[in-house]
Amino acid sequence: MSAGQVVAASEAASLPALVDRAAKTLAGAKNAAEVLEARDMAALAYDAAKRAARFAKAKGAHDELLSKVHRAQADALEIEAGAKRKLADEYDAAQERGEVAAGRPKTLPDGNTSATTAEIGLSSKDIHEARGIRDAEEEEPGIVKRTLDEAIAAGEEPTRAKVKRATRAKTKPKRKTKSKSKPAMPIESQHDRDLQMLLGVWESACESARVAFLETVRT
């Protein structure tokens, strides 16, 4: 094993501890601040795994090592997605209670003001993304894990971009196709049917028959 491969193996070996720490932090999170901490830990583990994967490829590491790195990268993403789901729920609940303002801070009944997204460490983009993951998981439970597992099974790198594409596809509003309404058929009466029949007979009759018919009707 070359020196570069030894370094790659060393970096890969440190990943499970980072992932495990993030998972435990999320599992024990009791408020939004702790969920944010878990999200950031998972993001740190993901970035470390991504760097390790690039280094392993560059140094020609064995496929087994690269597979372990990708597994850690996927686990970190799954934890990050779980944290974002919780943040979406926490944020929406806080907004309902008036503790977080969608725009400018609002004065609460107790005299305090509601916090803004920036003050709680979230951007509008963060909230939008978190809601997207949560809604996609509600629409199709396990979609994040399944997306990551499929990437690994295909020998591909499990990335945030893959998760975003999968969740966006589930939460994208479906276009409603307008059904063309058929024109209502007029209701045909007995009078209409009889009239049509008589007209048909009249048109097919010869001239002498028409004259005789009219004379009969008039008498």
N, C-alpha and C. Protein backbone atom coordinates (compact mmCIF):
# COMPACT_ATOMS: atom_id res chain seq x y z
N MET A 1 0.84 -1.20 0.00
CA MET A 1 0.00 0.00 0.00
C MET A 1 0.87 1.24 0.00
N SER A 2 0.59 2.18 -0.90
CA SER A 2 1.39 3.40 -1.00
C SER A 2 1.07 4.33 0.17
N ALA A 3 1.92 5.37 0.30
CA ALA A 3 1.72 6.35 1.39
C ALA A 3 0.38 7.06 1.23
N GLY A 4 0.04 7.38 -0.04
CA GLY A 4 -1.24 8.05 -0.29
C GLY A 4 -2.43 7.19 0.09
N GLN A 5 -2.32 5.90 -0.18
CA GLN A 5 -3.41 4.99 0.16
C GLN A 5 -3.55 4.84 1.67
N VAL A 6 -2.41 4.89 2.37
CA VAL A 6 -2.44 4.82 3.83
C VAL A 6 -3.16 6.03 4.41
N VAL A 7 -2.89 7.20 3.85
CA VAL A 7 -3.55 8.43 4.30
C VAL A 7 -5.05 8.36 4.02
N ALA A 8 -5.39 7.85 2.83
CA ALA A 8 -6.81 7.72 2.46
C ALA A 8 -7.53 6.79 3.41
N ALA A 9 -6.87 5.67 3.76
CA ALA A 9 -7.48 4.71 4.69
C ALA A 9 -7.64 5.33 6.07
N SER A 10 -6.67 6.16 6.47
CA SER A 10 -6.73 6.82 7.78
C SER A 10 -7.89 7.80 7.84
N GLU A 11 -8.08 8.56 6.77
CA GLU A 11 -9.19 9.52 6.73
C GLU A 11 -10.54 8.80 6.75
N ALA A 12 -10.62 7.71 6.00
CA ALA A 12 -11.86 6.94 5.95
C ALA A 12 -12.20 6.36 7.32
N ALA A 13 -11.17 5.98 8.06
CA ALA A 13 -11.38 5.36 9.37
C ALA A 13 -11.98 6.33 10.38
N SER A 14 -11.77 7.63 10.18
CA SER A 14 -12.28 8.64 11.12
C SER A 14 -13.73 9.01 10.85
N LEU A 15 -14.26 8.62 9.70
CA LEU A 15 -15.61 9.02 9.31
C LEU A 15 -16.72 8.42 10.18
N PRO A 16 -16.68 7.13 10.52
CA PRO A 16 -17.77 6.57 11.34
C PRO A 16 -17.99 7.30 12.65
N ALA A 17 -16.88 7.78 13.27
CA ALA A 17 -17.01 8.51 14.54
C ALA A 17 -17.75 9.83 14.33
N LEU A 18 -17.46 10.52 13.23
CA LEU A 18 -18.15 11.78 12.92
C LEU A 18 -19.64 11.55 12.68
N VAL A 19 -19.94 10.50 11.93
CA VAL A 19 -21.33 10.17 11.62
C VAL A 19 -22.09 9.77 12.88
N ASP A 20 -21.44 8.95 13.71
CA ASP A 20 -22.07 8.48 14.95
C ASP A 20 -22.36 9.64 15.89
N ARG A 21 -21.45 10.58 15.96
CA ARG A 21 -21.64 11.75 16.84
C ARG A 21 -22.84 12.57 16.37
N ALA A 22 -22.94 12.77 15.07
CA ALA A 22 -24.07 13.54 14.53
C ALA A 22 -25.39 12.82 14.78
N ALA A 23 -25.39 11.50 14.62
CA ALA A 23 -26.61 10.71 14.83
C ALA A 23 -27.07 10.79 16.28
N LYS A 24 -26.13 10.68 17.21
CA LYS A 24 -26.47 10.74 18.64
C LYS A 24 -26.98 12.13 19.03
N THR A 25 -26.38 13.15 18.45
CA THR A 25 -26.81 14.53 18.75
C THR A 25 -28.23 14.75 18.27
N LEU A 26 -28.55 14.26 17.08
CA LEU A 26 -29.91 14.41 16.54
C LEU A 26 -30.91 13.61 17.37
N ALA A 27 -30.54 12.40 17.75
CA ALA A 27 -31.45 11.55 18.52
C ALA A 27 -31.77 12.17 19.88
N GLY A 28 -30.80 12.89 20.46
CA GLY A 28 -31.02 13.49 21.77
C GLY A 28 -31.45 14.94 21.73
N ALA A 29 -31.65 15.49 20.53
CA ALA A 29 -32.01 16.92 20.40
C ALA A 29 -33.38 17.19 21.00
N LYS A 30 -33.46 18.22 21.83
CA LYS A 30 -34.72 18.57 22.50
C LYS A 30 -35.27 19.93 22.05
N ASN A 31 -34.50 20.66 21.26
CA ASN A 31 -34.96 21.96 20.78
C ASN A 31 -34.31 22.25 19.43
N ALA A 32 -34.73 23.36 18.83
CA ALA A 32 -34.26 23.71 17.50
C ALA A 32 -32.76 23.94 17.47
N ALA A 33 -32.19 24.51 18.54
CA ALA A 33 -30.76 24.79 18.58
C ALA A 33 -29.96 23.49 18.51
N GLU A 34 -30.43 22.48 19.22
CA GLU A 34 -29.72 21.19 19.22
C GLU A 34 -29.90 20.46 17.90
N VAL A 35 -31.06 20.65 17.27
CA VAL A 35 -31.26 20.06 15.94
C VAL A 35 -30.33 20.73 14.93
N LEU A 36 -30.18 22.04 15.04
CA LEU A 36 -29.25 22.77 14.18
C LEU A 36 -27.83 22.26 14.37
N GLU A 37 -27.46 21.99 15.61
CA GLU A 37 -26.13 21.47 15.90
C GLU A 37 -25.92 20.11 15.23
N ALA A 38 -26.95 19.27 15.31
CA ALA A 38 -26.87 17.94 14.68
C ALA A 38 -26.75 18.07 13.17
N ARG A 39 -27.51 19.01 12.61
CA ARG A 39 -27.43 19.23 11.15
C ARG A 39 -26.03 19.63 10.73
N ASP A 40 -25.43 20.55 11.51
CA ASP A 40 -24.09 21.03 11.18
C ASP A 40 -23.05 19.92 11.34
N MET A 41 -23.23 19.06 12.34
CA MET A 41 -22.31 17.93 12.53
C MET A 41 -22.41 16.96 11.35
N ALA A 42 -23.64 16.71 10.91
CA ALA A 42 -23.84 15.81 9.78
C ALA A 42 -23.23 16.42 8.51
N ALA A 43 -23.37 17.73 8.36
CA ALA A 43 -22.79 18.41 7.19
C ALA A 43 -21.27 18.31 7.23
N LEU A 44 -20.69 18.42 8.42
CA LEU A 44 -19.24 18.31 8.58
C LEU A 44 -18.78 16.90 8.19
N ALA A 45 -19.54 15.89 8.63
CA ALA A 45 -19.21 14.50 8.30
C ALA A 45 -19.33 14.26 6.80
N TYR A 46 -20.35 14.84 6.19
CA TYR A 46 -20.56 14.70 4.74
C TYR A 46 -19.39 15.31 3.97
N ASP A 47 -19.00 16.52 4.36
CA ASP A 47 -17.89 17.20 3.68
C ASP A 47 -16.59 16.42 3.84
N ALA A 48 -16.38 15.86 5.03
CA ALA A 48 -15.17 15.07 5.28
C ALA A 48 -15.17 13.81 4.41
N ALA A 49 -16.33 13.17 4.29
CA ALA A 49 -16.44 11.97 3.46
C ALA A 49 -16.22 12.30 1.99
N LYS A 50 -16.74 13.43 1.57
CA LYS A 50 -16.58 13.85 0.18
C LYS A 50 -15.11 14.08 -0.15
N ARG A 51 -14.40 14.72 0.77
CA ARG A 51 -12.96 14.94 0.57
C ARG A 51 -12.20 13.62 0.56
N ALA A 52 -12.58 12.73 1.49
CA ALA A 52 -11.92 11.43 1.57
C ALA A 52 -12.15 10.62 0.30
N ALA A 53 -13.34 10.73 -0.27
CA ALA A 53 -13.65 9.99 -1.51
C ALA A 53 -12.79 10.51 -2.66
N ARG A 54 -12.68 11.84 -2.75
CA ARG A 54 -11.85 12.42 -3.82
C ARG A 54 -10.39 12.00 -3.67
N PHE A 55 -9.91 12.00 -2.42
CA PHE A 55 -8.52 11.63 -2.15
C PHE A 55 -8.29 10.16 -2.45
N ALA A 56 -9.25 9.33 -2.07
CA ALA A 56 -9.13 7.89 -2.30
C ALA A 56 -9.07 7.58 -3.80
N LYS A 57 -9.91 8.27 -4.57
CA LYS A 57 -9.91 8.08 -6.03
C LYS A 57 -8.57 8.51 -6.63
N ALA A 58 -8.09 9.66 -6.16
CA ALA A 58 -6.84 10.19 -6.71
C ALA A 58 -5.66 9.28 -6.41
N LYS A 59 -5.70 8.61 -5.27
CA LYS A 59 -4.59 7.75 -4.87
C LYS A 59 -4.80 6.29 -5.27
N GLY A 60 -5.87 6.05 -6.02
CA GLY A 60 -6.11 4.70 -6.51
C GLY A 60 -6.42 3.70 -5.40
N ALA A 61 -7.18 4.13 -4.41
CA ALA A 61 -7.54 3.24 -3.29
C ALA A 61 -8.44 2.11 -3.78
N HIS A 62 -8.48 1.05 -3.01
CA HIS A 62 -9.30 -0.10 -3.37
C HIS A 62 -10.79 0.27 -3.38
N ASP A 63 -11.55 -0.46 -4.19
CA ASP A 63 -12.99 -0.21 -4.28
C ASP A 63 -13.68 -0.39 -2.93
N GLU A 64 -13.17 -1.31 -2.14
CA GLU A 64 -13.76 -1.57 -0.81
C GLU A 64 -13.66 -0.35 0.07
N LEU A 65 -12.51 0.32 0.03
CA LEU A 65 -12.33 1.53 0.83
C LEU A 65 -13.25 2.64 0.35
N LEU A 66 -13.34 2.81 -0.97
CA LEU A 66 -14.20 3.84 -1.54
C LEU A 66 -15.66 3.57 -1.19
N SER A 67 -16.05 2.30 -1.18
CA SER A 67 -17.41 1.93 -0.83
C SER A 67 -17.74 2.31 0.61
N LYS A 68 -16.76 2.11 1.52
CA LYS A 68 -16.96 2.47 2.92
C LYS A 68 -17.10 3.99 3.08
N VAL A 69 -16.31 4.72 2.32
CA VAL A 69 -16.38 6.19 2.37
C VAL A 69 -17.74 6.65 1.87
N HIS A 70 -18.21 6.07 0.78
CA HIS A 70 -19.52 6.44 0.24
C HIS A 70 -20.64 6.09 1.22
N ARG A 71 -20.47 4.98 1.94
CA ARG A 71 -21.49 4.60 2.93
C ARG A 71 -21.57 5.64 4.03
N ALA A 72 -20.41 6.09 4.50
CA ALA A 72 -20.38 7.12 5.54
C ALA A 72 -20.96 8.42 5.02
N GLN A 73 -20.68 8.73 3.77
CA GLN A 73 -21.20 9.95 3.15
C GLN A 73 -22.73 9.90 3.07
N ALA A 74 -23.25 8.73 2.70
CA ALA A 74 -24.71 8.55 2.63
C ALA A 74 -25.34 8.63 4.01
N ASP A 75 -24.71 8.02 5.00
CA ASP A 75 -25.25 8.07 6.37
C ASP A 75 -25.29 9.51 6.89
N ALA A 76 -24.25 10.26 6.56
CA ALA A 76 -24.22 11.66 6.99
C ALA A 76 -25.34 12.46 6.33
N LEU A 77 -25.58 12.20 5.06
CA LEU A 77 -26.66 12.88 4.35
C LEU A 77 -28.02 12.51 4.93
N GLU A 78 -28.18 11.25 5.29
CA GLU A 78 -29.47 10.81 5.85
C GLU A 78 -29.74 11.50 7.19
N ILE A 79 -28.68 11.64 8.00
CA ILE A 79 -28.82 12.33 9.28
C ILE A 79 -29.13 13.80 9.06
N GLU A 80 -28.43 14.39 8.10
CA GLU A 80 -28.66 15.80 7.77
C GLU A 80 -30.10 16.02 7.32
N ALA A 81 -30.60 15.12 6.48
CA ALA A 81 -31.99 15.23 6.01
C ALA A 81 -32.97 15.09 7.16
N GLY A 82 -32.67 14.17 8.09
CA GLY A 82 -33.53 14.00 9.26
C GLY A 82 -33.56 15.25 10.12
N ALA A 83 -32.40 15.90 10.25
CA ALA A 83 -32.33 17.14 11.03
C ALA A 83 -33.13 18.25 10.34
N LYS A 84 -33.04 18.31 9.03
CA LYS A 84 -33.78 19.33 8.29
C LYS A 84 -35.29 19.13 8.41
N ARG A 85 -35.73 17.88 8.42
CA ARG A 85 -37.16 17.59 8.61
C ARG A 85 -37.62 18.11 9.97
N LYS A 86 -36.82 17.86 10.99
CA LYS A 86 -37.17 18.33 12.33
C LYS A 86 -37.18 19.85 12.40
N LEU A 87 -36.22 20.47 11.72
CA LEU A 87 -36.16 21.93 11.71
C LEU A 87 -37.40 22.52 11.05
N ALA A 88 -37.87 21.87 9.98
CA ALA A 88 -39.08 22.35 9.30
C ALA A 88 -40.27 22.31 10.25
N ASP A 89 -40.39 21.21 10.99
CA ASP A 89 -41.49 21.09 11.95
C ASP A 89 -41.36 22.10 13.08
N GLU A 90 -40.13 22.24 13.60
CA GLU A 90 -39.89 23.18 14.69
C GLU A 90 -40.18 24.61 14.25
N TYR A 91 -39.75 24.96 13.04
CA TYR A 91 -39.94 26.32 12.54
C TYR A 91 -41.42 26.62 12.33
N ASP A 92 -42.14 25.69 11.71
CA ASP A 92 -43.56 25.91 11.45
C ASP A 92 -44.34 26.03 12.75
N ALA A 93 -43.98 25.20 13.74
CA ALA A 93 -44.66 25.27 15.04
C ALA A 93 -44.38 26.60 15.73
N ALA A 94 -43.12 27.06 15.64
CA ALA A 94 -42.76 28.34 16.26
C ALA A 94 -43.46 29.50 15.56
N GLN A 95 -43.64 29.37 14.25
CA GLN A 95 -44.34 30.41 13.49
C GLN A 95 -45.81 30.48 13.90
N GLU A 96 -46.41 29.32 14.11
CA GLU A 96 -47.81 29.28 14.55
C GLU A 96 -47.97 29.93 15.93
N ARG A 97 -46.95 29.75 16.77
CA ARG A 97 -47.01 30.34 18.12
C ARG A 97 -46.64 31.82 18.10
N GLY A 98 -46.18 32.31 16.93
CA GLY A 98 -45.79 33.72 16.83
C GLY A 98 -44.40 34.01 17.32
N GLU A 99 -43.60 32.94 17.55
CA GLU A 99 -42.25 33.13 18.08
C GLU A 99 -41.25 33.47 16.98
N VAL A 100 -41.62 33.15 15.74
CA VAL A 100 -40.74 33.45 14.59
C VAL A 100 -41.54 34.24 13.58
N ALA A 101 -40.96 35.31 13.09
CA ALA A 101 -41.65 36.16 12.12
C ALA A 101 -41.23 35.78 10.71
N ALA A 102 -42.20 35.76 9.81
CA ALA A 102 -41.89 35.48 8.41
C ALA A 102 -41.14 36.64 7.78
N GLY A 103 -41.45 37.86 8.21
CA GLY A 103 -40.78 39.05 7.67
C GLY A 103 -40.12 39.83 8.79
N ARG A 104 -40.69 41.02 9.07
CA ARG A 104 -40.15 41.82 10.16
C ARG A 104 -40.58 41.26 11.51
N PRO A 105 -39.77 41.49 12.56
CA PRO A 105 -40.15 41.02 13.90
C PRO A 105 -41.48 41.63 14.33
N LYS A 106 -42.30 40.83 15.02
CA LYS A 106 -43.58 41.30 15.51
C LYS A 106 -43.56 41.36 17.03
N THR A 107 -44.28 42.32 17.56
CA THR A 107 -44.37 42.44 19.02
C THR A 107 -45.37 41.42 19.56
N LEU A 108 -44.92 40.63 20.52
CA LEU A 108 -45.77 39.60 21.11
C LEU A 108 -46.54 40.18 22.30
N PRO A 109 -47.60 39.46 22.74
CA PRO A 109 -48.42 39.95 23.86
C PRO A 109 -47.62 40.22 25.13
N ASP A 110 -46.51 39.46 25.34
CA ASP A 110 -45.72 39.65 26.57
C ASP A 110 -44.72 40.80 26.45
N GLY A 111 -44.75 41.50 25.31
CA GLY A 111 -43.84 42.64 25.13
C GLY A 111 -42.58 42.31 24.38
N ASN A 112 -42.25 41.02 24.23
CA ASN A 112 -41.07 40.63 23.49
C ASN A 112 -41.36 40.68 22.00
N THR A 113 -40.33 40.55 21.20
CA THR A 113 -40.54 40.53 19.75
C THR A 113 -40.17 39.16 19.21
N SER A 114 -40.85 38.77 18.14
CA SER A 114 -40.57 37.48 17.52
C SER A 114 -39.25 37.53 16.79
N ALA A 115 -38.57 36.39 16.75
CA ALA A 115 -37.26 36.32 16.11
C ALA A 115 -37.40 36.22 14.60
N THR A 116 -36.37 36.62 13.88
CA THR A 116 -36.35 36.47 12.43
C THR A 116 -35.59 35.19 12.10
N THR A 117 -35.68 34.76 10.83
CA THR A 117 -34.99 33.53 10.43
C THR A 117 -33.48 33.66 10.63
N ALA A 118 -32.93 34.85 10.34
CA ALA A 118 -31.49 35.05 10.48
C ALA A 118 -31.05 34.93 11.93
N GLU A 119 -31.90 35.39 12.84
CA GLU A 119 -31.56 35.36 14.26
C GLU A 119 -31.53 33.96 14.83
N ILE A 120 -32.25 33.03 14.21
CA ILE A 120 -32.24 31.65 14.72
C ILE A 120 -31.29 30.77 13.91
N GLY A 121 -30.51 31.40 13.02
CA GLY A 121 -29.50 30.66 12.29
C GLY A 121 -29.98 29.97 11.04
N LEU A 122 -31.10 30.41 10.50
CA LEU A 122 -31.65 29.81 9.28
C LEU A 122 -31.91 30.89 8.24
N SER A 123 -31.76 30.52 6.99
CA SER A 123 -32.11 31.42 5.90
C SER A 123 -33.42 30.94 5.29
N SER A 124 -34.01 31.78 4.47
CA SER A 124 -35.25 31.38 3.79
C SER A 124 -35.01 30.16 2.92
N LYS A 125 -33.82 30.08 2.32
CA LYS A 125 -33.46 28.93 1.49
C LYS A 125 -33.40 27.66 2.34
N ASP A 126 -32.82 27.78 3.55
CA ASP A 126 -32.75 26.63 4.46
C ASP A 126 -34.14 26.09 4.78
N ILE A 127 -35.04 27.01 5.07
CA ILE A 127 -36.40 26.63 5.46
C ILE A 127 -37.13 25.99 4.28
N HIS A 128 -36.97 26.57 3.11
CA HIS A 128 -37.61 26.02 1.90
C HIS A 128 -37.11 24.60 1.63
N GLU A 129 -35.81 24.41 1.74
CA GLU A 129 -35.22 23.09 1.50
C GLU A 129 -35.68 22.08 2.55
N ALA A 130 -35.71 22.53 3.81
CA ALA A 130 -36.13 21.64 4.90
C ALA A 130 -37.57 21.20 4.72
N ARG A 131 -38.43 22.12 4.35
CA ARG A 131 -39.83 21.78 4.11
C ARG A 131 -39.97 20.82 2.93
N GLY A 132 -39.13 21.03 1.91
CA GLY A 132 -39.18 20.16 0.75
C GLY A 132 -38.84 18.72 1.10
N ILE A 133 -37.81 18.53 1.92
CA ILE A 133 -37.43 17.18 2.35
C ILE A 133 -38.52 16.56 3.21
N ARG A 134 -39.04 17.36 4.14
CA ARG A 134 -40.11 16.85 5.01
C ARG A 134 -41.33 16.44 4.21
N ASP A 135 -41.75 17.29 3.29
CA ASP A 135 -42.95 17.00 2.50
C ASP A 135 -42.74 15.79 1.58
N ALA A 136 -41.53 15.65 1.04
CA ALA A 136 -41.24 14.51 0.17
C ALA A 136 -41.26 13.21 0.97
N GLU A 137 -40.75 13.26 2.20
CA GLU A 137 -40.75 12.06 3.06
C GLU A 137 -42.18 11.69 3.47
N GLU A 138 -43.01 12.70 3.66
CA GLU A 138 -44.41 12.41 3.99
C GLU A 138 -45.15 11.83 2.78
N GLU A 139 -44.77 12.31 1.60
CA GLU A 139 -45.39 11.81 0.36
C GLU A 139 -44.92 10.39 0.06
N GLU A 140 -43.62 10.16 0.25
CA GLU A 140 -43.05 8.83 -0.02
C GLU A 140 -42.02 8.51 1.07
N PRO A 141 -42.45 7.91 2.18
CA PRO A 141 -41.54 7.62 3.29
C PRO A 141 -40.31 6.83 2.85
N GLY A 142 -39.13 7.27 3.31
CA GLY A 142 -37.88 6.57 3.00
C GLY A 142 -37.25 6.97 1.69
N ILE A 143 -37.74 8.04 1.06
CA ILE A 143 -37.23 8.43 -0.26
C ILE A 143 -35.76 8.85 -0.20
N VAL A 144 -35.34 9.50 0.89
CA VAL A 144 -33.95 9.94 1.00
C VAL A 144 -33.01 8.74 1.10
N LYS A 145 -33.32 7.83 2.01
CA LYS A 145 -32.48 6.63 2.20
C LYS A 145 -32.44 5.80 0.92
N ARG A 146 -33.59 5.65 0.29
CA ARG A 146 -33.66 4.84 -0.93
C ARG A 146 -32.83 5.47 -2.05
N THR A 147 -32.87 6.78 -2.17
CA THR A 147 -32.09 7.48 -3.19
C THR A 147 -30.59 7.27 -2.97
N LEU A 148 -30.17 7.36 -1.72
CA LEU A 148 -28.75 7.19 -1.39
C LEU A 148 -28.31 5.75 -1.58
N ASP A 149 -29.14 4.80 -1.17
CA ASP A 149 -28.81 3.38 -1.32
C ASP A 149 -28.70 2.99 -2.80
N GLU A 150 -29.58 3.55 -3.61
CA GLU A 150 -29.54 3.25 -5.04
C GLU A 150 -28.28 3.80 -5.69
N ALA A 151 -27.83 4.97 -5.23
CA ALA A 151 -26.60 5.55 -5.76
C ALA A 151 -25.40 4.66 -5.44
N ILE A 152 -25.33 4.18 -4.20
CA ILE A 152 -24.22 3.31 -3.78
C ILE A 152 -24.26 1.99 -4.54
N ALA A 153 -25.46 1.44 -4.69
CA ALA A 153 -25.61 0.16 -5.41
C ALA A 153 -25.16 0.29 -6.87
N ALA A 154 -25.32 1.49 -7.43
CA ALA A 154 -24.93 1.72 -8.82
C ALA A 154 -23.46 2.14 -8.94
N GLY A 155 -22.75 2.16 -7.80
CA GLY A 155 -21.35 2.55 -7.81
C GLY A 155 -21.14 4.04 -7.95
N GLU A 156 -22.18 4.82 -7.63
CA GLU A 156 -22.09 6.27 -7.75
C GLU A 156 -21.92 6.92 -6.38
N GLU A 157 -21.49 8.16 -6.40
CA GLU A 157 -21.31 8.90 -5.16
C GLU A 157 -22.67 9.40 -4.66
N PRO A 158 -23.01 9.17 -3.38
CA PRO A 158 -24.26 9.70 -2.83
C PRO A 158 -24.08 11.17 -2.50
N THR A 159 -24.81 12.02 -3.19
CA THR A 159 -24.60 13.47 -3.04
C THR A 159 -25.88 14.19 -2.63
N ARG A 160 -25.69 15.42 -2.18
CA ARG A 160 -26.84 16.28 -1.86
C ARG A 160 -27.67 16.53 -3.11
N ALA A 161 -26.99 16.68 -4.23
CA ALA A 161 -27.70 16.97 -5.49
C ALA A 161 -28.69 15.86 -5.82
N LYS A 162 -28.31 14.62 -5.57
CA LYS A 162 -29.22 13.49 -5.85
C LYS A 162 -30.43 13.55 -4.93
N VAL A 163 -30.19 13.89 -3.66
CA VAL A 163 -31.30 13.99 -2.70
C VAL A 163 -32.23 15.12 -3.10
N LYS A 164 -31.66 16.26 -3.51
CA LYS A 164 -32.49 17.40 -3.91
C LYS A 164 -33.36 17.06 -5.10
N ARG A 165 -32.77 16.40 -6.09
CA ARG A 165 -33.54 16.04 -7.28
C ARG A 165 -34.69 15.11 -6.93
N ALA A 166 -34.41 14.13 -6.07
CA ALA A 166 -35.44 13.15 -5.71
C ALA A 166 -36.58 13.79 -4.91
N THR A 167 -36.23 14.66 -3.97
CA THR A 167 -37.27 15.28 -3.13
C THR A 167 -38.05 16.34 -3.89
N ARG A 168 -37.37 17.06 -4.77
CA ARG A 168 -38.07 18.07 -5.56
C ARG A 168 -39.08 17.42 -6.50
N ALA A 169 -38.70 16.28 -7.05
CA ALA A 169 -39.61 15.58 -7.97
C ALA A 169 -40.89 15.17 -7.26
N LYS A 170 -40.78 14.90 -5.94
CA LYS A 170 -41.97 14.48 -5.19
C LYS A 170 -42.83 15.64 -4.76
N THR A 171 -42.22 16.80 -4.56
CA THR A 171 -42.98 17.95 -4.05
C THR A 171 -43.36 18.92 -5.15
N LYS A 172 -42.94 18.66 -6.39
CA LYS A 172 -43.28 19.54 -7.51
C LYS A 172 -44.77 19.47 -7.78
N PRO A 173 -45.45 20.62 -7.83
CA PRO A 173 -46.90 20.62 -8.08
C PRO A 173 -47.22 19.93 -9.41
N LYS A 174 -48.20 19.06 -9.37
CA LYS A 174 -48.60 18.36 -10.58
C LYS A 174 -49.59 19.21 -11.38
N ARG A 175 -49.29 19.32 -12.66
CA ARG A 175 -50.17 20.12 -13.52
C ARG A 175 -51.46 19.37 -13.78
N LYS A 176 -52.53 20.07 -13.62
CA LYS A 176 -53.84 19.47 -13.87
C LYS A 176 -54.20 19.62 -15.34
N THR A 177 -54.50 18.52 -15.95
CA THR A 177 -54.90 18.57 -17.36
C THR A 177 -56.39 18.88 -17.44
N LYS A 178 -56.69 19.87 -18.25
CA LYS A 178 -58.09 20.27 -18.40
C LYS A 178 -58.80 19.30 -19.35
N SER A 179 -59.81 18.69 -18.86
CA SER A 179 -60.56 17.77 -19.70
C SER A 179 -61.54 18.54 -20.57
N LYS A 180 -61.51 18.21 -21.85
CA LYS A 180 -62.40 18.89 -22.78
C LYS A 180 -63.82 18.37 -22.60
N SER A 181 -64.69 19.27 -22.23
CA SER A 181 -66.08 18.87 -21.99
C SER A 181 -66.80 18.71 -23.32
N LYS A 182 -67.46 17.61 -23.44
CA LYS A 182 -68.22 17.35 -24.66
C LYS A 182 -69.50 18.17 -24.66
N PRO A 183 -69.87 18.72 -25.82
CA PRO A 183 -71.10 19.51 -25.87
C PRO A 183 -72.31 18.64 -25.56
N ALA A 184 -73.19 19.21 -24.80
CA ALA A 184 -74.38 18.45 -24.39
C ALA A 184 -75.25 18.14 -25.62
N MET A 185 -75.67 16.90 -25.71
CA MET A 185 -76.53 16.49 -26.82
C MET A 185 -77.95 16.99 -26.57
N PRO A 186 -78.58 17.60 -27.58
CA PRO A 186 -79.95 18.09 -27.39
C PRO A 186 -80.92 16.93 -27.17
N ILE A 187 -81.87 17.16 -26.31
CA ILE A 187 -82.87 16.13 -26.02
C ILE A 187 -83.89 16.10 -27.16
N GLU A 188 -84.03 14.95 -27.78
CA GLU A 188 -84.92 14.79 -28.94
C GLU A 188 -86.30 14.29 -28.48
N SER A 189 -87.34 15.04 -28.86
CA SER A 189 -88.71 14.66 -28.47
C SER A 189 -89.32 13.73 -29.52
N GLN A 190 -90.48 13.17 -29.18
CA GLN A 190 -91.20 12.32 -30.13
C GLN A 190 -91.60 13.11 -31.37
N HIS A 191 -91.98 14.37 -31.16
CA HIS A 191 -92.34 15.25 -32.26
C HIS A 191 -91.17 15.40 -33.25
N ASP A 192 -89.95 15.61 -32.70
CA ASP A 192 -88.77 15.77 -33.55
C ASP A 192 -88.50 14.51 -34.36
N ARG A 193 -88.62 13.36 -33.69
CA ARG A 193 -88.35 12.09 -34.39
C ARG A 193 -89.37 11.86 -35.53
N ASP A 194 -90.66 12.13 -35.24
CA ASP A 194 -91.70 11.94 -36.26
C ASP A 194 -91.50 12.88 -37.44
N LEU A 195 -91.12 14.12 -37.10
CA LEU A 195 -90.91 15.10 -38.15
C LEU A 195 -89.75 14.70 -39.07
N GLN A 196 -88.68 14.21 -38.46
CA GLN A 196 -87.52 13.77 -39.24
C GLN A 196 -87.90 12.60 -40.15
N MET A 197 -88.72 11.70 -39.62
CA MET A 197 -89.14 10.54 -40.41
C MET A 197 -89.98 10.99 -41.61
N LEU A 198 -90.95 11.89 -41.39
CA LEU A 198 -91.82 12.37 -42.46
C LEU A 198 -91.02 13.12 -43.53
N LEU A 199 -90.07 13.93 -43.10
CA LEU A 199 -89.24 14.65 -44.06
C LEU A 199 -88.41 13.70 -44.92
N GLY A 200 -87.95 12.62 -44.26
CA GLY A 200 -87.18 11.64 -45.00
C GLY A 200 -88.02 10.96 -46.07
N VAL A 201 -89.27 10.61 -45.70
CA VAL A 201 -90.18 9.96 -46.65
C VAL A 201 -90.53 10.93 -47.77
N TRP A 202 -90.78 12.19 -47.39
CA TRP A 202 -91.17 13.21 -48.39
C TRP A 202 -90.06 13.40 -49.43
N GLU A 203 -88.83 13.45 -48.97
CA GLU A 203 -87.71 13.68 -49.89
C GLU A 203 -87.49 12.50 -50.83
N SER A 204 -87.79 11.30 -50.37
CA SER A 204 -87.57 10.12 -51.20
C SER A 204 -88.77 9.80 -52.12
N ALA A 205 -89.93 10.49 -51.89
CA ALA A 205 -91.13 10.21 -52.69
C ALA A 205 -91.05 10.90 -54.06
N CYS A 206 -91.76 10.32 -55.05
CA CYS A 206 -91.80 10.94 -56.39
C CYS A 206 -92.80 12.10 -56.38
N GLU A 207 -92.79 12.89 -57.45
CA GLU A 207 -93.62 14.08 -57.52
C GLU A 207 -95.11 13.76 -57.47
N SER A 208 -95.55 12.73 -58.21
CA SER A 208 -96.98 12.38 -58.22
C SER A 208 -97.45 11.93 -56.85
N ALA A 209 -96.59 11.22 -56.14
CA ALA A 209 -96.94 10.76 -54.79
C ALA A 209 -97.09 11.95 -53.84
N ARG A 210 -96.22 12.94 -54.01
CA ARG A 210 -96.32 14.13 -53.17
C ARG A 210 -97.64 14.87 -53.42
N VAL A 211 -98.02 15.00 -54.71
CA VAL A 211 -99.27 15.68 -55.06
C VAL A 211 -100.45 14.93 -54.47
N ALA A 212 -100.43 13.61 -54.60
CA ALA A 212 -101.54 12.79 -54.07
C ALA A 212 -101.59 12.92 -52.55
N PHE A 213 -100.43 12.97 -51.91
CA PHE A 213 -100.40 13.09 -50.45
C PHE A 213 -101.00 14.41 -49.99
N LEU A 214 -100.63 15.49 -50.66
CA LEU A 214 -101.15 16.80 -50.28
C LEU A 214 -102.67 16.88 -50.48
N GLU A 215 -103.19 16.27 -51.56
CA GLU A 215 -104.62 16.27 -51.80
C GLU A 215 -105.33 15.48 -50.72
N THR A 216 -104.73 14.39 -50.28
CA THR A 216 -105.31 13.57 -49.23
C THR A 216 -105.37 14.33 -47.91
N VAL A 217 -104.30 15.04 -47.60
CA VAL A 217 -104.21 15.78 -46.33
C VAL A 217 -105.24 16.91 -46.33
N ARG A 218 -105.50 17.57 -47.46
CA ARG A 218 -106.37 18.71 -47.54
C ARG A 218 -107.85 18.30 -47.49
N THR A 219 -108.16 17.10 -47.90
CA THR A 219 -109.58 16.69 -47.90
C THR A 219 -110.05 16.31 -46.53
